[in-house]
Amino acid sequence: MTSLPANRALTPHPEHPAPAVAGIAVAVAAHGSGGLQLDYHLSGDLAALRLPSPAAPVAPDRLWAHTCFEVFLRRGGEAYREYNFSPSGQWAGYAFAAYRQRLENVTLPAPHLEWQVAEGSLSLRVALPAEALPAGDGELHLALTTVVEQADGALSYWALAHPAGKADFHHRDGFALAVPLALPDL
């Protein structure tokens, strides 16, 4: 188990490099009353990447088909949650009963997003309220991930841990960061 705050570097999947990206790092910290703060930082040649244009902060599907930061969260058991955060300002959240078994008609709480774009860097601060995290006791297991779309449309998959085989952010072995985040009684 890792204490908070925790800083981690993501690595590209070996089959999907992104030469324009120098690195991606994520800092994880407790936020508010049982919530979670994630600070993503991508450094590299942003002109060589496709970054979605600003859009209304709705929750569309398939944000992961383009550049976006992501987090997968679970406690014990098979159930987990997924959040996608696009540079467009859009976000999406999903609940799963087990590996890739999405629960329909589940609305997850909205995150608070703060984006910053500078020469050679793209940063995002995410504040997830306690209600956004999976219920239960014990450690919170995180899969920290990023999809990067290059100017030619090729996708690169970055993660804290890549299970063997093809890129698969949903795989249980990708939940490589365990943190002692206790939820308050709501």
C-alpha atoms as a PDB file:
ATOM      1  CA  MET A   1       0.000   0.000   0.000  1.00  0.00           C
ATOM      2  CA  THR A   2       1.211   3.501  -0.844  1.00  0.00           C
ATOM      3  CA  SER A   3       0.682   6.520   1.386  1.00  0.00           C
ATOM      4  CA  LEU A   4      -0.658   9.760  -0.052  1.00  0.00           C
ATOM      5  CA  PRO A   5       0.354  11.903  -1.771  1.00  0.00           C
ATOM      6  CA  ALA A   6       1.827   9.563  -4.392  1.00  0.00           C
ATOM      7  CA  ASN A   7       3.585  10.543  -7.619  1.00  0.00           C
ATOM      8  CA  ARG A   8       3.809   8.043 -10.465  1.00  0.00           C
ATOM      9  CA  ALA A   9       5.112   8.006 -14.042  1.00  0.00           C
ATOM     10  CA  LEU A  10       3.066   6.286 -16.734  1.00  0.00           C
ATOM     11  CA  THR A  11       4.714   4.225 -19.471  1.00  0.00           C
ATOM     12  CA  PRO A  12       3.559   3.639 -23.049  1.00  0.00           C
ATOM     13  CA  HIS A  13       2.388   0.205 -24.109  1.00  0.00           C
ATOM     14  CA  PRO A  14       5.328  -1.363 -26.005  1.00  0.00           C
ATOM     15  CA  GLU A  15       3.213  -1.899 -29.143  1.00  0.00           C
ATOM     16  CA  HIS A  16       1.963   1.715 -29.215  1.00  0.00           C
ATOM     17  CA  PRO A  17       4.792   4.261 -28.786  1.00  0.00           C
ATOM     18  CA  ALA A  18       4.252   8.019 -28.959  1.00  0.00           C
ATOM     19  CA  PRO A  19       7.528   9.687 -29.966  1.00  0.00           C
ATOM     20  CA  ALA A  20       6.068  13.180 -29.467  1.00  0.00           C
ATOM     21  CA  VAL A  21       5.410  12.510 -25.761  1.00  0.00           C
ATOM     22  CA  ALA A  22       8.388  12.972 -23.442  1.00  0.00           C
ATOM     23  CA  GLY A  23       6.477  11.701 -20.419  1.00  0.00           C
ATOM     24  CA  ILE A  24       3.238  11.508 -18.470  1.00  0.00           C
ATOM     25  CA  ALA A  25       3.097  11.730 -14.685  1.00  0.00           C
ATOM     26  CA  VAL A  26       0.212  11.575 -12.223  1.00  0.00           C
ATOM     27  CA  ALA A  27       0.133  12.802  -8.627  1.00  0.00           C
ATOM     28  CA  VAL A  28      -2.555  11.313  -6.371  1.00  0.00           C
ATOM     29  CA  ALA A  29      -3.717  12.921  -3.117  1.00  0.00           C
ATOM     30  CA  ALA A  30      -6.675  12.880  -0.752  1.00  0.00           C
ATOM     31  CA  HIS A  31      -9.197  15.652  -1.428  1.00  0.00           C
ATOM     32  CA  GLY A  32     -11.868  17.103   0.817  1.00  0.00           C
ATOM     33  CA  SER A  33     -13.937  14.695   2.877  1.00  0.00           C
ATOM     34  CA  GLY A  34     -12.907  11.333   1.475  1.00  0.00           C
ATOM     35  CA  GLY A  35     -12.446  12.422  -2.133  1.00  0.00           C
ATOM     36  CA  LEU A  36      -9.483  12.059  -4.442  1.00  0.00           C
ATOM     37  CA  GLN A  37      -7.342  14.566  -6.332  1.00  0.00           C
ATOM     38  CA  LEU A  38      -5.450  13.554  -9.472  1.00  0.00           C
ATOM     39  CA  ASP A  39      -2.888  15.823 -11.147  1.00  0.00           C
ATOM     40  CA  TYR A  40      -1.967  14.653 -14.663  1.00  0.00           C
ATOM     41  CA  HIS A  41       0.968  16.207 -16.521  1.00  0.00           C
ATOM     42  CA  LEU A  42       1.865  15.366 -20.121  1.00  0.00           C
ATOM     43  CA  SER A  43       5.059  16.856 -21.524  1.00  0.00           C
ATOM     44  CA  GLY A  44       6.113  16.767 -25.162  1.00  0.00           C
ATOM     45  CA  ASP A  45       5.448  18.228 -28.586  1.00  0.00           C
ATOM     46  CA  LEU A  46       1.759  19.140 -28.367  1.00  0.00           C
ATOM     47  CA  ALA A  47       1.729  20.224 -32.025  1.00  0.00           C
ATOM     48  CA  ALA A  48       2.331  16.567 -32.966  1.00  0.00           C
ATOM     49  CA  LEU A  49      -0.764  15.448 -31.014  1.00  0.00           C
ATOM     50  CA  ARG A  50      -4.493  15.706 -31.663  1.00  0.00           C
ATOM     51  CA  LEU A  51      -6.094  17.525 -28.776  1.00  0.00           C
ATOM     52  CA  PRO A  52      -9.897  17.777 -28.883  1.00  0.00           C
ATOM     53  CA  SER A  53     -11.306  21.296 -29.175  1.00  0.00           C
ATOM     54  CA  PRO A  54     -13.259  22.768 -26.255  1.00  0.00           C
ATOM     55  CA  ALA A  55     -16.823  21.472 -26.029  1.00  0.00           C
ATOM     56  CA  ALA A  56     -19.753  21.571 -23.634  1.00  0.00           C
ATOM     57  CA  PRO A  57     -18.909  19.622 -20.450  1.00  0.00           C
ATOM     58  CA  VAL A  58     -21.362  16.825 -21.128  1.00  0.00           C
ATOM     59  CA  ALA A  59     -20.637  13.134 -20.686  1.00  0.00           C
ATOM     60  CA  PRO A  60     -20.387  11.571 -24.162  1.00  0.00           C
ATOM     61  CA  ASP A  61     -19.233   8.021 -24.852  1.00  0.00           C
ATOM     62  CA  ARG A  62     -15.984   7.131 -26.602  1.00  0.00           C
ATOM     63  CA  LEU A  63     -13.794   9.903 -25.178  1.00  0.00           C
ATOM     64  CA  TRP A  64     -11.140   7.192 -24.945  1.00  0.00           C
ATOM     65  CA  ALA A  65     -10.988   7.041 -28.757  1.00  0.00           C
ATOM     66  CA  HIS A  66      -9.012  10.305 -28.655  1.00  0.00           C
ATOM     67  CA  THR A  67      -6.569  12.009 -26.300  1.00  0.00           C
ATOM     68  CA  CYS A  68      -7.851  11.728 -22.730  1.00  0.00           C
ATOM     69  CA  PHE A  69      -6.670  11.080 -19.202  1.00  0.00           C
ATOM     70  CA  GLU A  70      -8.357   8.231 -17.317  1.00  0.00           C
ATOM     71  CA  VAL A  71      -8.625   6.600 -13.928  1.00  0.00           C
ATOM     72  CA  PHE A  72     -10.083   3.221 -12.996  1.00  0.00           C
ATOM     73  CA  LEU A  73     -11.007   2.717  -9.322  1.00  0.00           C
ATOM     74  CA  ARG A  74     -11.957  -0.354  -7.298  1.00  0.00           C
ATOM     75  CA  ARG A  75     -11.951  -1.622  -3.764  1.00  0.00           C
ATOM     76  CA  GLY A  76     -12.249  -5.360  -3.017  1.00  0.00           C
ATOM     77  CA  GLY A  77     -14.232  -7.569  -5.354  1.00  0.00           C
ATOM     78  CA  GLU A  78     -14.840  -7.316  -9.069  1.00  0.00           C
ATOM     79  CA  ALA A  79     -16.823  -4.051  -9.323  1.00  0.00           C
ATOM     80  CA  TYR A  80     -15.011  -0.906 -10.450  1.00  0.00           C
ATOM     81  CA  ARG A  81     -15.515   2.565 -11.887  1.00  0.00           C
ATOM     82  CA  GLU A  82     -13.926   4.362 -14.823  1.00  0.00           C
ATOM     83  CA  TYR A  83     -13.595   8.096 -15.450  1.00  0.00           C
ATOM     84  CA  ASN A  84     -12.389   9.669 -18.727  1.00  0.00           C
ATOM     85  CA  PHE A  85     -11.306  13.322 -18.931  1.00  0.00           C
ATOM     86  CA  SER A  86     -10.901  14.967 -22.349  1.00  0.00           C
ATOM     87  CA  PRO A  87      -8.933  18.177 -23.052  1.00  0.00           C
ATOM     88  CA  SER A  88     -12.216  19.338 -24.645  1.00  0.00           C
ATOM     89  CA  GLY A  89     -13.548  19.751 -21.093  1.00  0.00           C
ATOM     90  CA  GLN A  90     -15.861  16.763 -21.492  1.00  0.00           C
ATOM     91  CA  TRP A  91     -15.816  13.836 -19.103  1.00  0.00           C
ATOM     92  CA  ALA A  92     -17.498  10.454 -18.795  1.00  0.00           C
ATOM     93  CA  GLY A  93     -17.954   8.048 -15.891  1.00  0.00           C
ATOM     94  CA  TYR A  94     -18.885   4.374 -15.959  1.00  0.00           C
ATOM     95  CA  ALA A  95     -19.665   1.718 -13.361  1.00  0.00           C
ATOM     96  CA  PHE A  96     -18.830  -1.948 -13.966  1.00  0.00           C
ATOM     97  CA  ALA A  97     -20.090  -5.011 -12.068  1.00  0.00           C
ATOM     98  CA  ALA A  98     -17.065  -7.044 -13.207  1.00  0.00           C
ATOM     99  CA  TYR A  99     -14.458  -7.069 -15.992  1.00  0.00           C
ATOM    100  CA  ARG A 100     -15.983  -5.043 -18.873  1.00  0.00           C
ATOM    101  CA  GLN A 101     -19.546  -5.724 -17.620  1.00  0.00           C
ATOM    102  CA  ARG A 102     -20.882  -2.174 -17.701  1.00  0.00           C
ATOM    103  CA  LEU A 103     -23.849  -1.275 -15.527  1.00  0.00           C
ATOM    104  CA  GLU A 104     -26.411   0.659 -17.550  1.00  0.00           C
ATOM    105  CA  ASN A 105     -28.349   3.644 -16.197  1.00  0.00           C
ATOM    106  CA  VAL A 106     -25.770   4.476 -13.522  1.00  0.00           C
ATOM    107  CA  THR A 107     -24.922   8.162 -13.254  1.00  0.00           C
ATOM    108  CA  LEU A 108     -21.659   8.926 -11.487  1.00  0.00           C
ATOM    109  CA  PRO A 109     -21.010  12.262  -9.766  1.00  0.00           C
ATOM    110  CA  ALA A 110     -19.315  14.956 -11.822  1.00  0.00           C
ATOM    111  CA  PRO A 111     -15.635  15.644 -11.262  1.00  0.00           C
ATOM    112  CA  HIS A 112     -14.204  19.142 -11.023  1.00  0.00           C
ATOM    113  CA  LEU A 113     -11.657  19.681 -13.825  1.00  0.00           C
ATOM    114  CA  GLU A 114      -8.987  22.363 -14.243  1.00  0.00           C
ATOM    115  CA  TRP A 115      -7.014  22.221 -17.509  1.00  0.00           C
ATOM    116  CA  GLN A 116      -3.798  24.087 -18.317  1.00  0.00           C
ATOM    117  CA  VAL A 117      -2.040  24.136 -21.667  1.00  0.00           C
ATOM    118  CA  ALA A 118       1.428  25.642 -21.971  1.00  0.00           C
ATOM    119  CA  GLU A 119       4.339  25.340 -24.379  1.00  0.00           C
ATOM    120  CA  GLY A 120       5.204  21.650 -24.339  1.00  0.00           C
ATOM    121  CA  SER A 121       2.790  20.614 -21.594  1.00  0.00           C
ATOM    122  CA  LEU A 122      -0.811  19.663 -20.931  1.00  0.00           C
ATOM    123  CA  SER A 123      -1.939  19.468 -17.312  1.00  0.00           C
ATOM    124  CA  LEU A 124      -5.172  18.488 -15.629  1.00  0.00           C
ATOM    125  CA  ARG A 125      -6.243  18.675 -12.000  1.00  0.00           C
ATOM    126  CA  VAL A 126      -9.207  16.424 -11.209  1.00  0.00           C
ATOM    127  CA  ALA A 127     -11.151  16.550  -7.954  1.00  0.00           C
ATOM    128  CA  LEU A 128     -13.380  13.506  -7.479  1.00  0.00           C
ATOM    129  CA  PRO A 129     -15.867  13.806  -4.608  1.00  0.00           C
ATOM    130  CA  ALA A 130     -16.173  10.904  -2.163  1.00  0.00           C
ATOM    131  CA  GLU A 131     -19.441   9.876  -3.841  1.00  0.00           C
ATOM    132  CA  ALA A 132     -17.528   9.234  -7.083  1.00  0.00           C
ATOM    133  CA  LEU A 133     -15.392   6.534  -5.485  1.00  0.00           C
ATOM    134  CA  PRO A 134     -16.422   2.885  -5.150  1.00  0.00           C
ATOM    135  CA  ALA A 135     -18.188   2.088  -1.893  1.00  0.00           C
ATOM    136  CA  GLY A 136     -16.643  -0.232   0.628  1.00  0.00           C
ATOM    137  CA  ASP A 137     -13.863  -0.500   3.108  1.00  0.00           C
ATOM    138  CA  GLY A 138     -10.198  -1.100   2.588  1.00  0.00           C
ATOM    139  CA  GLU A 139      -7.672   0.137   0.122  1.00  0.00           C
ATOM    140  CA  LEU A 140      -8.626   1.980  -3.019  1.00  0.00           C
ATOM    141  CA  HIS A 141      -6.934   0.399  -6.050  1.00  0.00           C
ATOM    142  CA  LEU A 142      -6.217   2.699  -8.993  1.00  0.00           C
ATOM    143  CA  ALA A 143      -5.346   2.112 -12.634  1.00  0.00           C
ATOM    144  CA  LEU A 144      -3.891   5.417 -13.848  1.00  0.00           C
ATOM    145  CA  THR A 145      -4.034   5.650 -17.637  1.00  0.00           C
ATOM    146  CA  THR A 146      -3.891   7.995 -20.624  1.00  0.00           C
ATOM    147  CA  VAL A 147      -4.770   7.669 -24.293  1.00  0.00           C
ATOM    148  CA  VAL A 148      -2.726   9.904 -26.612  1.00  0.00           C
ATOM    149  CA  GLU A 149      -3.843  10.529 -30.189  1.00  0.00           C
ATOM    150  CA  GLN A 150      -1.030  11.556 -32.493  1.00  0.00           C
ATOM    151  CA  ALA A 151      -1.492  13.934 -35.433  1.00  0.00           C
ATOM    152  CA  ASP A 152      -1.648  10.959 -37.828  1.00  0.00           C
ATOM    153  CA  GLY A 153      -4.525   9.435 -35.811  1.00  0.00           C
ATOM    154  CA  ALA A 154      -2.430   6.662 -34.236  1.00  0.00           C
ATOM    155  CA  LEU A 155      -3.249   6.003 -30.581  1.00  0.00           C
ATOM    156  CA  SER A 156      -0.739   5.438 -27.802  1.00  0.00           C
ATOM    157  CA  TYR A 157      -1.777   3.827 -24.512  1.00  0.00           C
ATOM    158  CA  TRP A 158      -0.028   4.885 -21.303  1.00  0.00           C
ATOM    159  CA  ALA A 159      -0.489   3.257 -17.898  1.00  0.00           C
ATOM    160  CA  LEU A 160       1.076   2.749 -14.525  1.00  0.00           C
ATOM    161  CA  ALA A 161       1.145  -0.988 -15.311  1.00  0.00           C
ATOM    162  CA  HIS A 162       0.470  -2.874 -18.545  1.00  0.00           C
ATOM    163  CA  PRO A 163      -0.737  -6.481 -18.229  1.00  0.00           C
ATOM    164  CA  ALA A 164       0.794  -8.927 -20.726  1.00  0.00           C
ATOM    165  CA  GLY A 165      -0.608  -8.844 -24.247  1.00  0.00           C
ATOM    166  CA  LYS A 166      -2.576  -6.079 -25.918  1.00  0.00           C
ATOM    167  CA  ALA A 167      -3.330  -2.783 -24.194  1.00  0.00           C
ATOM    168  CA  ASP A 168      -6.209  -3.348 -21.743  1.00  0.00           C
ATOM    169  CA  PHE A 169      -6.884  -0.682 -19.125  1.00  0.00           C
ATOM    170  CA  HIS A 170      -9.746  -2.729 -17.622  1.00  0.00           C
ATOM    171  CA  HIS A 171      -7.503  -5.686 -16.706  1.00  0.00           C
ATOM    172  CA  ARG A 172      -7.253  -6.281 -12.964  1.00  0.00           C
ATOM    173  CA  ASP A 173      -3.424  -6.303 -13.094  1.00  0.00           C
ATOM    174  CA  GLY A 174      -3.507  -2.678 -14.229  1.00  0.00           C
ATOM    175  CA  PHE A 175      -4.901  -1.532 -10.845  1.00  0.00           C
ATOM    176  CA  ALA A 176      -1.325  -1.171  -9.634  1.00  0.00           C
ATOM    177  CA  LEU A 177      -1.610   1.625  -7.075  1.00  0.00           C
ATOM    178  CA  ALA A 178      -3.257   0.833  -3.735  1.00  0.00           C
ATOM    179  CA  VAL A 179      -3.890   3.786  -1.437  1.00  0.00           C
ATOM    180  CA  PRO A 180      -5.353   3.967   2.090  1.00  0.00           C
ATOM    181  CA  LEU A 181      -8.286   6.232   1.325  1.00  0.00           C
ATOM    182  CA  ALA A 182     -11.086   5.823   3.847  1.00  0.00           C
ATOM    183  CA  LEU A 183     -14.503   7.181   2.971  1.00  0.00           C
ATOM    184  CA  PRO A 184     -16.487   9.144   5.528  1.00  0.00           C
ATOM    185  CA  ASP A 185     -20.003   8.088   6.453  1.00  0.00           C
ATOM    186  CA  LEU A 186     -22.264   9.833   3.936  1.00  0.00           C
END
